[in-house]
N, C-alpha and C. Protein backbone atom coordinates (compact mmCIF):
# COMPACT_ATOMS: atom_id res chain seq x y z
N UNK A 1 29.91 -13.67 -3.34
CA UNK A 1 29.34 -12.37 -3.08
C UNK A 1 27.92 -12.97 -2.22
N UNK A 2 27.19 -12.58 -1.08
CA UNK A 2 26.56 -13.20 -0.47
C UNK A 2 24.55 -12.25 -0.65
N UNK A 3 24.03 -13.05 -1.03
CA UNK A 3 22.48 -12.94 -1.28
C UNK A 3 21.68 -13.57 -0.35
N UNK A 4 20.59 -12.49 0.20
CA UNK A 4 19.38 -12.98 0.90
C UNK A 4 18.67 -13.95 0.44
N UNK A 5 17.92 -15.32 1.15
CA UNK A 5 17.31 -15.84 0.40
C UNK A 5 16.17 -15.43 -1.11
N UNK A 6 15.71 -13.89 -0.64
CA UNK A 6 14.66 -13.35 -1.24
C UNK A 6 15.43 -13.29 -2.60
N UNK A 7 16.48 -13.34 -2.71
CA UNK A 7 16.52 -13.38 -4.19
C UNK A 7 16.37 -14.48 -4.75
N UNK A 8 16.59 -15.69 -4.32
CA UNK A 8 16.74 -16.65 -4.77
C UNK A 8 15.52 -16.85 -5.63
N UNK A 9 14.43 -17.15 -5.59
CA UNK A 9 13.32 -16.98 -6.95
C UNK A 9 13.21 -15.90 -8.34
N UNK A 10 13.62 -13.87 -7.30
CA UNK A 10 13.93 -13.62 -9.33
C UNK A 10 15.40 -13.59 -9.70
N UNK A 11 16.16 -14.33 -9.14
CA UNK A 11 17.54 -14.41 -9.86
C UNK A 11 17.36 -15.87 -10.75
N UNK A 12 16.61 -16.76 -10.19
CA UNK A 12 16.21 -17.91 -10.82
C UNK A 12 15.13 -18.05 -12.16
N UNK A 13 14.87 -16.94 -11.76
CA UNK A 13 13.79 -16.47 -12.67
C UNK A 13 14.21 -15.50 -14.38
N UNK A 14 15.35 -15.17 -13.39
CA UNK A 14 16.19 -13.61 -14.46
C UNK A 14 16.09 -13.00 -14.15
N UNK A 15 14.89 -12.27 -13.38
CA UNK A 15 14.60 -10.53 -13.16
C UNK A 15 15.42 -10.17 -12.27
N UNK A 16 16.42 -11.02 -11.58
CA UNK A 16 17.75 -9.89 -10.83
C UNK A 16 18.88 -10.65 -11.76
N UNK A 17 19.51 -9.53 -12.15
CA UNK A 17 21.13 -9.93 -12.57
C UNK A 17 21.93 -8.85 -12.58
N UNK A 18 21.65 -8.31 -11.45
CA UNK A 18 22.51 -6.86 -10.98
C UNK A 18 22.87 -6.91 -9.46
N UNK A 19 23.75 -6.65 -9.07
CA UNK A 19 23.86 -5.86 -7.59
C UNK A 19 24.65 -5.18 -8.19
N UNK A 20 24.64 -4.20 -6.22
CA UNK A 20 25.34 -3.20 -5.91
C UNK A 20 26.15 -3.28 -5.13
N UNK A 21 27.73 -3.49 -5.03
CA UNK A 21 28.64 -3.30 -3.51
C UNK A 21 29.46 -2.69 -3.26
N UNK A 22 29.36 -2.12 -2.19
CA UNK A 22 31.00 -0.93 -2.04
C UNK A 22 31.87 -1.54 -1.09
N UNK A 23 33.09 -1.48 -2.48
CA UNK A 23 34.02 -2.33 -2.30
C UNK A 23 35.23 -1.95 -2.41
N UNK A 24 36.61 -2.05 -1.77
CA UNK A 24 37.35 -0.73 -2.32
C UNK A 24 38.52 -1.30 -2.91
N UNK A 25 38.51 -2.61 -3.60
CA UNK A 25 38.84 -2.96 -5.04
C UNK A 25 37.52 -4.10 -5.03
N UNK A 26 37.39 -4.18 -6.74
CA UNK A 26 36.42 -5.42 -6.79
C UNK A 26 37.00 -6.87 -6.12
N UNK A 27 35.74 -7.27 -5.55
CA UNK A 27 35.96 -8.76 -5.19
C UNK A 27 35.27 -9.94 -5.88
N UNK A 28 34.90 -9.48 -6.71
CA UNK A 28 34.90 -10.67 -8.18
C UNK A 28 35.20 -10.81 -9.09
N UNK A 29 35.60 -11.71 -10.09
CA UNK A 29 36.03 -11.70 -11.59
C UNK A 29 34.89 -12.24 -12.88
N UNK A 30 35.36 -11.43 -13.65
CA UNK A 30 34.44 -12.16 -14.86
C UNK A 30 34.80 -13.06 -15.55
N UNK A 31 33.66 -14.20 -15.50
CA UNK A 31 33.52 -15.11 -16.24
C UNK A 31 34.08 -16.48 -14.98
N UNK A 32 34.06 -15.77 -13.80
CA UNK A 32 34.42 -16.57 -12.95
C UNK A 32 32.77 -17.26 -11.93
N UNK A 33 32.88 -18.66 -11.48
CA UNK A 33 31.70 -18.87 -11.20
C UNK A 33 31.84 -18.48 -9.51
N UNK A 34 30.36 -18.68 -8.86
CA UNK A 34 31.19 -18.18 -7.49
C UNK A 34 29.43 -18.99 -6.74
N UNK A 35 29.57 -19.39 -5.64
CA UNK A 35 28.72 -20.36 -5.41
C UNK A 35 28.08 -19.52 -4.11
N UNK A 36 26.92 -19.53 -4.34
CA UNK A 36 26.20 -18.73 -3.81
C UNK A 36 24.56 -19.47 -2.51
N UNK A 37 24.20 -18.76 -1.72
CA UNK A 37 23.16 -19.16 -1.04
C UNK A 37 21.98 -19.61 -2.09
N UNK A 38 21.88 -18.27 -3.00
CA UNK A 38 20.90 -18.68 -3.96
C UNK A 38 21.36 -19.53 -5.12
N UNK A 39 22.73 -19.88 -5.23
CA UNK A 39 22.55 -20.75 -6.54
C UNK A 39 24.41 -20.40 -7.00
N UNK A 40 24.59 -21.11 -8.28
CA UNK A 40 26.11 -20.66 -8.84
C UNK A 40 25.88 -19.78 -9.58
N UNK A 41 26.88 -18.57 -9.67
CA UNK A 41 26.65 -17.35 -10.15
C UNK A 41 27.69 -16.90 -10.72
N UNK A 42 27.39 -16.93 -12.48
CA UNK A 42 28.81 -16.33 -12.98
C UNK A 42 28.54 -14.85 -13.65
N UNK A 43 29.81 -14.25 -13.38
CA UNK A 43 29.73 -12.76 -13.05
C UNK A 43 30.22 -12.31 -14.56
N UNK A 44 29.36 -11.86 -15.33
CA UNK A 44 29.76 -11.51 -16.65
C UNK A 44 30.20 -9.82 -16.55
N UNK A 45 29.94 -9.16 -16.29
CA UNK A 45 30.55 -7.51 -15.86
C UNK A 45 31.31 -7.17 -14.32
N UNK A 46 31.94 -7.09 -14.24
CA UNK A 46 32.00 -5.56 -12.52
C UNK A 46 32.78 -4.49 -12.91
N UNK A 47 32.56 -3.26 -12.28
CA UNK A 47 32.76 -2.30 -12.39
C UNK A 47 32.54 -1.03 -12.04
N UNK A 48 33.05 -0.44 -11.29
CA UNK A 48 33.08 1.17 -10.61
C UNK A 48 32.11 1.55 -11.54
N UNK A 49 30.90 2.23 -10.22
CA UNK A 49 30.36 3.19 -10.91
C UNK A 49 29.87 4.42 -10.28
N UNK A 50 29.59 5.28 -10.51
CA UNK A 50 29.23 6.90 -9.57
C UNK A 50 27.50 6.31 -9.41
N UNK A 51 27.64 6.31 -7.47
CA UNK A 51 26.42 6.07 -7.10
C UNK A 51 25.08 6.87 -8.48
N UNK A 52 25.75 8.30 -8.14
CA UNK A 52 24.35 8.93 -8.97
C UNK A 52 24.26 8.43 -10.11
N UNK A 53 24.78 7.55 -11.00
CA UNK A 53 23.99 6.99 -12.01
C UNK A 53 23.62 6.01 -12.02
N UNK A 54 23.07 5.32 -11.22
CA UNK A 54 22.52 4.44 -10.63
C UNK A 54 21.21 4.78 -10.83
N UNK A 55 19.89 3.65 -12.30
CA UNK A 55 18.75 4.09 -12.69
C UNK A 55 17.88 3.60 -11.80
N UNK A 56 16.82 3.55 -11.56
CA UNK A 56 15.51 3.22 -10.89
C UNK A 56 15.39 1.29 -11.60
N UNK A 57 15.42 1.32 -13.22
CA UNK A 57 15.99 0.71 -13.91
C UNK A 57 17.12 -0.66 -13.50
N UNK A 58 17.93 -0.33 -13.21
CA UNK A 58 19.14 -0.81 -12.80
C UNK A 58 18.66 -1.44 -11.25
N UNK A 59 18.10 -0.74 -10.52
CA UNK A 59 17.85 -0.75 -8.83
C UNK A 59 16.80 -1.97 -9.32
N UNK A 60 15.60 -2.34 -10.10
CA UNK A 60 14.74 -3.49 -9.85
C UNK A 60 15.45 -4.22 -10.83
N UNK A 61 16.78 -4.51 -11.22
CA UNK A 61 17.22 -5.47 -12.34
C UNK A 61 18.05 -5.79 -11.04
N UNK A 62 18.16 -5.16 -10.02
CA UNK A 62 19.01 -5.53 -8.54
C UNK A 62 17.92 -6.02 -7.58
N UNK A 63 16.84 -6.08 -7.50
CA UNK A 63 15.75 -6.50 -6.80
C UNK A 63 15.47 -5.46 -6.09
N UNK A 64 14.99 -4.02 -6.19
CA UNK A 64 15.36 -3.22 -5.60
C UNK A 64 13.90 -2.41 -6.44
N UNK A 65 13.12 -1.27 -5.44
CA UNK A 65 12.05 -1.01 -6.46
C UNK A 65 12.64 0.68 -6.90
N UNK A 66 13.71 1.08 -6.15
CA UNK A 66 14.30 2.22 -6.30
C UNK A 66 16.04 2.52 -6.49
N UNK A 67 16.51 3.42 -6.94
CA UNK A 67 18.03 3.59 -7.26
C UNK A 67 18.28 3.78 -5.83
N UNK A 68 17.59 4.75 -4.95
CA UNK A 68 17.76 5.02 -3.54
C UNK A 68 17.91 3.44 -2.79
N UNK A 69 16.31 2.65 -3.05
CA UNK A 69 16.72 1.40 -1.93
C UNK A 69 17.59 0.33 -2.03
N UNK A 70 18.16 0.75 -3.14
CA UNK A 70 19.73 -0.03 -3.93
C UNK A 70 20.36 0.19 -3.31
N UNK A 71 21.10 1.88 -3.61
CA UNK A 71 21.99 2.27 -2.81
C UNK A 71 21.94 2.25 -1.42
N UNK A 72 20.64 2.61 -0.57
CA UNK A 72 20.70 2.07 0.85
C UNK A 72 21.16 0.91 1.41
N UNK A 73 20.72 -0.04 0.56
CA UNK A 73 21.37 -1.32 1.17
C UNK A 73 22.55 -1.72 0.54
N UNK A 74 23.30 -1.01 -0.43
CA UNK A 74 24.73 -1.01 -0.80
C UNK A 74 25.49 -0.08 0.39
N UNK A 75 25.36 0.94 1.16
CA UNK A 75 25.80 2.30 2.04
C UNK A 75 26.15 1.81 2.90
N UNK A 76 26.53 0.67 3.43
CA UNK A 76 28.05 0.72 4.56
C UNK A 76 28.73 1.31 3.96
N UNK A 77 29.67 2.22 4.04
CA UNK A 77 30.78 2.18 3.99
C UNK A 77 30.75 3.92 2.65
N UNK A 78 29.33 4.11 3.08
CA UNK A 78 29.05 5.48 1.66
C UNK A 78 30.32 6.20 2.08
N UNK A 79 30.34 6.49 3.35
CA UNK A 79 30.45 8.01 3.53
C UNK A 79 31.75 7.95 3.92
N UNK A 80 32.83 6.62 3.79
CA UNK A 80 33.78 6.87 3.59
C UNK A 80 34.85 6.91 2.08
N UNK A 81 33.62 7.03 1.56
CA UNK A 81 34.47 6.73 0.18
C UNK A 81 34.66 5.53 -0.74
N UNK A 82 34.11 4.66 -0.01
CA UNK A 82 34.36 3.04 -0.66
C UNK A 82 33.60 3.11 -1.67
N UNK A 83 34.43 2.85 -3.30
CA UNK A 83 34.20 2.16 -4.45
C UNK A 83 32.34 1.96 -4.49
N UNK A 84 31.95 1.99 -6.03
CA UNK A 84 30.65 0.84 -5.13
C UNK A 84 30.94 0.52 -6.80
N UNK A 85 30.98 -0.88 -6.80
CA UNK A 85 30.49 -1.31 -8.28
C UNK A 85 29.44 -2.30 -8.39
N UNK A 86 29.13 -2.29 -9.68
CA UNK A 86 27.96 -3.04 -10.04
C UNK A 86 28.49 -4.18 -10.79
N UNK A 87 27.65 -5.41 -10.71
CA UNK A 87 28.14 -6.28 -11.00
C UNK A 87 26.72 -7.06 -11.47
N UNK A 88 27.38 -7.36 -13.05
CA UNK A 88 26.11 -8.12 -13.50
C UNK A 88 26.74 -9.56 -13.60
N UNK A 89 25.74 -10.31 -13.69
CA UNK A 89 25.98 -12.01 -13.27
C UNK A 89 24.38 -12.52 -13.42
N UNK A 90 25.03 -14.04 -14.04
CA UNK A 90 23.67 -14.59 -14.83
C UNK A 90 23.76 -16.06 -13.95
N UNK A 91 22.33 -16.88 -13.21
CA UNK A 91 22.54 -18.37 -12.83
C UNK A 91 23.28 -19.47 -13.67
N UNK A 92 24.25 -19.86 -13.33
CA UNK A 92 24.05 -21.29 -14.15
C UNK A 92 23.60 -22.60 -13.79
N UNK A 93 23.27 -23.06 -14.72
CA UNK A 93 21.59 -24.01 -14.54
C UNK A 93 22.92 -25.31 -14.83
N UNK A 94 24.07 -25.24 -14.57
CA UNK A 94 24.87 -26.47 -15.00
C UNK A 94 24.95 -27.20 -13.34
N UNK A 95 25.35 -28.58 -13.85
CA UNK A 95 25.45 -29.34 -12.20
C UNK A 95 26.80 -28.54 -11.26
N UNK A 96 26.55 -28.00 -9.44
CA UNK A 96 27.79 -27.85 -9.37
C UNK A 96 28.62 -28.96 -9.39
N UNK A 97 29.96 -28.88 -10.20
CA UNK A 97 31.16 -30.22 -9.83
C UNK A 97 31.49 -30.44 -8.71
N UNK A 98 31.23 -29.89 -7.27
CA UNK A 98 32.05 -30.13 -6.01
C UNK A 98 30.51 -31.16 -5.56
N UNK A 99 29.44 -31.31 -5.96
CA UNK A 99 27.83 -31.66 -6.13
C UNK A 99 28.57 -33.31 -7.04
N UNK A 100 28.39 -33.12 -7.93
CA UNK A 100 28.98 -34.38 -8.66
C UNK A 100 29.96 -35.08 -8.27
N UNK A 101 30.91 -34.83 -8.06
CA UNK A 101 32.43 -35.52 -7.12
C UNK A 101 31.60 -36.15 -6.00
N UNK A 102 31.30 -35.54 -5.26
CA UNK A 102 30.21 -35.49 -3.49
C UNK A 102 29.78 -37.42 -4.15
N UNK A 103 29.18 -37.41 -5.27
CA UNK A 103 28.26 -38.56 -5.54
C UNK A 103 29.05 -39.76 -6.49
N UNK A 104 30.20 -39.38 -6.40
CA UNK A 104 31.08 -40.34 -7.17
C UNK A 104 31.80 -41.44 -6.32
N UNK A 105 31.97 -42.49 -5.97
CA UNK A 105 32.26 -43.31 -5.46
C UNK A 105 33.62 -43.64 -6.12
N UNK A 106 34.49 -43.31 -5.54
CA UNK A 106 36.05 -43.20 -5.56
C UNK A 106 36.64 -45.03 -5.94
N UNK A 107 37.37 -45.33 -6.82
CA UNK A 107 38.01 -46.55 -6.93
C UNK A 107 39.41 -46.79 -5.78
N UNK A 108 39.52 -48.11 -5.89
CA UNK A 108 41.03 -47.90 -5.10
C UNK A 108 41.93 -47.13 -5.20
N UNK A 109 42.01 -47.39 -6.39
CA UNK A 109 43.74 -45.82 -6.31
C UNK A 109 43.08 -44.94 -6.48
N UNK A 110 42.03 -44.54 -6.97
CA UNK A 110 41.77 -43.13 -6.99
C UNK A 110 41.58 -43.00 -5.30
N UNK A 111 41.10 -43.26 -4.35
CA UNK A 111 40.87 -43.04 -2.80
C UNK A 111 42.43 -42.99 -2.30
N UNK A 112 43.24 -43.57 -2.54
CA UNK A 112 44.73 -43.05 -2.23
C UNK A 112 45.46 -42.34 -2.53
N UNK A 113 44.88 -41.66 -3.95
CA UNK A 113 45.37 -40.66 -4.61
C UNK A 113 44.67 -39.14 -3.78
N UNK A 114 43.18 -39.16 -3.21
CA UNK A 114 42.62 -38.20 -2.43
C UNK A 114 43.03 -38.60 -0.71
N UNK A 115 43.55 -39.75 -0.84
CA UNK A 115 44.23 -39.91 1.03
C UNK A 115 45.55 -39.28 1.19
N UNK A 116 46.13 -39.21 -0.16
CA UNK A 116 47.51 -38.71 -0.11
C UNK A 116 47.41 -37.28 0.31
N UNK A 117 46.51 -36.87 -0.86
CA UNK A 117 45.91 -35.17 -0.94
C UNK A 117 45.64 -34.83 0.85
N UNK A 118 45.21 -35.42 1.79
CA UNK A 118 44.86 -35.13 2.47
C UNK A 118 46.06 -34.98 3.53
N UNK A 119 46.66 -36.33 3.70
CA UNK A 119 47.76 -36.20 4.73
C UNK A 119 48.75 -35.48 4.01
N UNK A 120 49.14 -34.69 2.20
CA UNK A 120 50.11 -33.81 2.45
C UNK A 120 49.33 -32.16 3.29
N UNK A 121 47.95 -32.29 2.84
CA UNK A 121 47.48 -30.87 3.87
C UNK A 121 47.72 -31.01 5.67
N UNK A 122 47.95 -32.11 5.34
CA UNK A 122 47.70 -32.14 7.21
C UNK A 122 49.57 -31.79 7.55
N UNK A 123 50.45 -32.65 6.68
CA UNK A 123 51.69 -31.73 6.85
C UNK A 123 51.97 -30.52 6.74
N UNK A 124 51.16 -29.67 5.94
CA UNK A 124 51.79 -28.35 5.25
C UNK A 124 50.90 -27.27 6.26
N UNK A 125 50.10 -28.21 7.39
CA UNK A 125 49.16 -27.57 8.06
C UNK A 125 49.90 -25.92 9.69
N UNK A 126 49.56 -25.47 9.54
CA UNK A 126 50.29 -24.48 10.36
C UNK A 126 49.63 -25.08 11.88
N UNK A 127 48.52 -25.49 11.89
CA UNK A 127 47.73 -25.97 12.85
C UNK A 127 47.60 -27.35 13.80
N UNK A 128 48.68 -28.04 12.60
CA UNK A 128 48.44 -29.79 13.06
C UNK A 128 47.53 -30.02 12.42
N UNK A 129 47.62 -31.03 12.32
CA UNK A 129 46.81 -32.13 11.03
C UNK A 129 45.33 -32.28 11.36
N UNK A 130 44.74 -32.11 10.62
CA UNK A 130 43.78 -32.42 10.96
C UNK A 130 42.60 -32.47 9.67
N UNK A 131 42.70 -32.93 8.97
CA UNK A 131 41.89 -33.23 7.50
C UNK A 131 41.06 -34.50 8.45
N UNK A 132 42.21 -35.52 8.42
CA UNK A 132 41.22 -36.96 9.19
C UNK A 132 40.31 -36.56 10.29
N UNK A 133 40.69 -36.17 11.20
CA UNK A 133 39.99 -35.74 12.76
C UNK A 133 38.48 -35.05 12.23
N UNK A 134 38.61 -34.51 11.74
CA UNK A 134 37.73 -33.77 10.66
C UNK A 134 36.63 -34.34 10.11
N UNK A 135 36.85 -34.88 9.35
CA UNK A 135 36.14 -36.21 8.86
C UNK A 135 35.35 -37.10 9.88
N UNK A 136 36.22 -37.61 11.23
CA UNK A 136 35.64 -38.26 11.41
C UNK A 136 34.66 -37.67 12.79
N UNK A 137 34.97 -35.98 12.54
CA UNK A 137 34.00 -35.64 13.99
C UNK A 137 32.42 -35.81 12.91
N UNK A 138 32.77 -35.13 11.27
CA UNK A 138 31.31 -34.49 10.88
C UNK A 138 30.90 -36.02 10.82
N UNK A 139 31.80 -37.26 10.48
CA UNK A 139 30.92 -38.42 10.05
C UNK A 139 30.13 -38.56 11.62
N UNK A 140 30.35 -38.72 12.87
CA UNK A 140 30.18 -38.77 14.33
C UNK A 140 28.89 -38.30 14.46
N UNK A 141 29.18 -37.11 13.67
CA UNK A 141 27.41 -35.76 13.95
C UNK A 141 27.42 -35.51 13.01
N UNK A 142 26.74 -35.67 12.18
CA UNK A 142 26.13 -35.18 10.72
C UNK A 142 25.07 -34.04 10.94
N UNK A 143 25.11 -33.00 10.68
CA UNK A 143 24.20 -31.56 11.67
C UNK A 143 24.66 -31.18 12.10
N UNK A 144 25.89 -31.04 12.75
CA UNK A 144 26.45 -30.59 14.06
C UNK A 144 26.35 -29.05 13.63
N UNK A 145 26.39 -28.14 14.09
CA UNK A 145 27.10 -26.76 14.18
C UNK A 145 28.32 -26.36 13.97
N UNK A 146 28.92 -25.96 13.05
CA UNK A 146 29.77 -25.67 12.42
C UNK A 146 31.03 -25.17 14.14
N UNK A 147 30.14 -24.10 14.53
CA UNK A 147 31.29 -23.58 15.68
C UNK A 147 31.38 -24.37 17.11
N UNK A 148 30.00 -25.52 17.04
CA UNK A 148 30.07 -26.83 18.08
C UNK A 148 31.23 -27.84 17.83
N UNK A 149 31.23 -27.93 16.11
CA UNK A 149 32.21 -29.40 16.31
C UNK A 149 33.82 -28.48 16.25
N UNK A 150 34.21 -27.17 16.00
CA UNK A 150 35.36 -25.81 15.69
C UNK A 150 35.58 -26.12 17.30
N UNK A 151 34.56 -26.07 18.32
CA UNK A 151 35.03 -26.33 19.50
C UNK A 151 35.51 -27.44 20.07
N UNK A 152 34.62 -28.21 19.96
CA UNK A 152 35.38 -29.53 20.27
C UNK A 152 36.89 -29.86 20.02
N UNK A 153 36.74 -29.38 18.54
CA UNK A 153 38.58 -29.58 17.61
C UNK A 153 39.70 -28.70 18.96
N UNK A 154 39.12 -27.65 19.79
CA UNK A 154 39.99 -26.74 20.20
C UNK A 154 40.50 -25.91 18.84
N UNK A 155 39.30 -25.12 18.20
CA UNK A 155 39.48 -24.57 16.69
C UNK A 155 38.65 -23.23 16.62
N UNK A 156 38.82 -21.95 16.50
CA UNK A 156 38.15 -21.25 16.09
C UNK A 156 37.45 -21.38 15.09
N UNK A 157 35.63 -20.67 14.95
CA UNK A 157 35.24 -21.21 13.66
C UNK A 157 35.40 -20.67 12.66
N UNK A 158 35.84 -19.65 12.20
CA UNK A 158 36.53 -19.18 10.75
C UNK A 158 37.61 -20.02 10.14
N UNK A 159 38.63 -20.20 11.11
CA UNK A 159 39.07 -21.30 10.18
C UNK A 159 38.95 -22.35 10.09
N UNK A 160 38.19 -23.08 10.85
CA UNK A 160 37.92 -24.19 10.62
C UNK A 160 36.60 -24.79 9.70
N UNK A 161 35.91 -23.42 9.82
CA UNK A 161 35.12 -23.84 8.28
C UNK A 161 35.61 -23.27 7.03
N UNK A 162 37.03 -22.86 6.82
CA UNK A 162 37.78 -22.99 5.55
C UNK A 162 37.98 -24.02 4.99
N UNK A 163 38.18 -24.79 6.53
CA UNK A 163 39.29 -25.95 6.19
C UNK A 163 37.77 -26.67 5.68
N UNK A 164 36.52 -27.19 6.34
CA UNK A 164 36.09 -27.62 6.13
C UNK A 164 35.63 -27.72 4.48
N UNK A 165 35.35 -26.39 4.14
CA UNK A 165 35.36 -25.93 2.79
C UNK A 165 36.31 -26.81 1.40
N UNK A 166 37.90 -26.97 1.94
CA UNK A 166 39.05 -27.80 1.81
C UNK A 166 38.47 -28.96 1.04
N UNK A 167 38.36 -29.14 2.26
CA UNK A 167 37.54 -31.19 1.93
C UNK A 167 35.98 -30.98 1.13
N UNK A 168 35.14 -29.87 1.33
CA UNK A 168 34.32 -30.03 0.44
C UNK A 168 34.30 -29.93 -1.08
N UNK A 169 35.69 -29.09 -1.33
CA UNK A 169 36.22 -29.13 -3.00
C UNK A 169 37.02 -29.93 -3.30
N UNK A 170 37.12 -31.37 -2.06
CA UNK A 170 37.78 -32.40 -2.52
C UNK A 170 36.26 -33.89 -2.88
N UNK A 171 35.13 -33.07 -2.76
CA UNK A 171 34.44 -34.13 -3.23
C UNK A 171 33.55 -34.54 -1.68
N UNK A 172 34.20 -34.58 -0.68
CA UNK A 172 34.01 -35.37 0.45
C UNK A 172 33.18 -34.89 2.31
N UNK A 173 33.06 -33.68 1.77
CA UNK A 173 31.30 -33.63 2.52
C UNK A 173 30.43 -32.94 1.85
N UNK A 174 29.14 -32.91 1.94
CA UNK A 174 28.78 -31.63 2.07
C UNK A 174 27.71 -31.25 2.95
N UNK A 175 27.25 -29.16 2.30
CA UNK A 175 26.94 -28.45 3.52
C UNK A 175 25.36 -29.18 3.61
N UNK A 176 24.75 -29.03 4.95
CA UNK A 176 23.70 -29.12 4.91
C UNK A 176 22.81 -27.50 5.64
N UNK A 177 21.55 -27.41 6.14
CA UNK A 177 21.28 -26.33 6.37
C UNK A 177 21.84 -25.70 7.80
N UNK A 178 22.24 -26.95 8.26
CA UNK A 178 23.14 -26.42 9.90
C UNK A 178 23.78 -27.55 9.41
N UNK A 179 25.38 -27.30 9.95
CA UNK A 179 26.23 -28.37 9.64
C UNK A 179 27.02 -29.13 8.68
N UNK A 180 27.05 -29.77 8.22
CA UNK A 180 27.92 -30.70 7.24
C UNK A 180 27.17 -32.52 7.80
N UNK A 181 28.21 -32.95 6.29
CA UNK A 181 27.37 -34.66 6.35
C UNK A 181 29.00 -34.98 5.28
N UNK A 182 29.09 -36.30 5.78
CA UNK A 182 29.93 -36.96 4.91
C UNK A 182 28.97 -37.19 3.77
N UNK A 183 30.09 -36.54 2.48
CA UNK A 183 29.30 -37.50 1.25
C UNK A 183 29.17 -38.92 1.09
N UNK A 184 28.72 -39.85 -0.38
CA UNK A 184 29.38 -40.97 -0.07
C UNK A 184 30.80 -40.51 -0.30
N UNK A 185 31.42 -39.91 -1.54
CA UNK A 185 33.27 -39.81 -1.23
C UNK A 185 33.22 -40.42 -0.28
N UNK A 186 33.16 -39.16 0.25
CA UNK A 186 33.69 -38.89 1.51
C UNK A 186 33.63 -39.79 2.73
N UNK A 187 32.39 -41.11 2.32
CA UNK A 187 32.67 -42.17 2.97
C UNK A 187 33.24 -43.10 2.89
N UNK A 188 33.30 -43.09 2.34
CA UNK A 188 34.36 -44.08 1.06
C UNK A 188 35.70 -44.02 1.27
N UNK A 189 36.30 -42.88 1.66
CA UNK A 189 37.14 -42.26 1.93
C UNK A 189 37.92 -42.61 3.11
N UNK A 190 36.65 -42.19 4.24
CA UNK A 190 37.22 -42.61 5.38
C UNK A 190 36.88 -43.89 6.33
N UNK A 191 36.18 -44.63 5.26
CA UNK A 191 36.03 -46.08 5.47
C UNK A 191 37.40 -46.64 5.39
N UNK A 192 37.89 -46.01 4.05
CA UNK A 192 39.22 -47.38 3.54
C UNK A 192 39.89 -46.72 4.69
N UNK A 193 40.34 -45.90 5.05
CA UNK A 193 41.70 -44.92 5.89
C UNK A 193 41.16 -46.02 7.24
N UNK A 194 40.09 -45.96 7.99
CA UNK A 194 39.62 -46.45 9.29
C UNK A 194 39.20 -48.01 9.59
N UNK A 195 39.45 -48.94 7.79
CA UNK A 195 39.62 -49.88 7.95
C UNK A 195 38.13 -50.06 7.89
């Protein structure tokens, strides 16, 4: 789920705990945490609703002054009959496991295990080996824009960013306001590989 940064403080204060989205089918699941620009959110309820049933009180819980304003924000695809979903969520106040993992310096056997995962990802890749090259590129140029890193690797930006998220899931990279950097864990794994 995408949220503008203006929602960060109201969500943190618990004032905003709803959102309305137009999807052909639900794009989130109850009980699952989602990483967003405003923090990690867990979905408590999701269901299709009739747009005429949205109240001003619900709209305020979604960060809008009126139901009409909330529906206007969710309005794209309204004319083609795309269903409207009401999503109730809460902010998770526990640390992001990926962030904790990123700070964890692995032991020798664990480094080998992570390296083995990266090698396996390279073997399975339809576009050739990419993991170690991507780690090295991020290490050389922390904070470089993803489109620039992707272009330098001869890749399209969207699939490149998906691959970097795979590295982040292993605790090897951190996202910056612009670009990425290696985490302490990522630095240890790359240093081990490169001697």
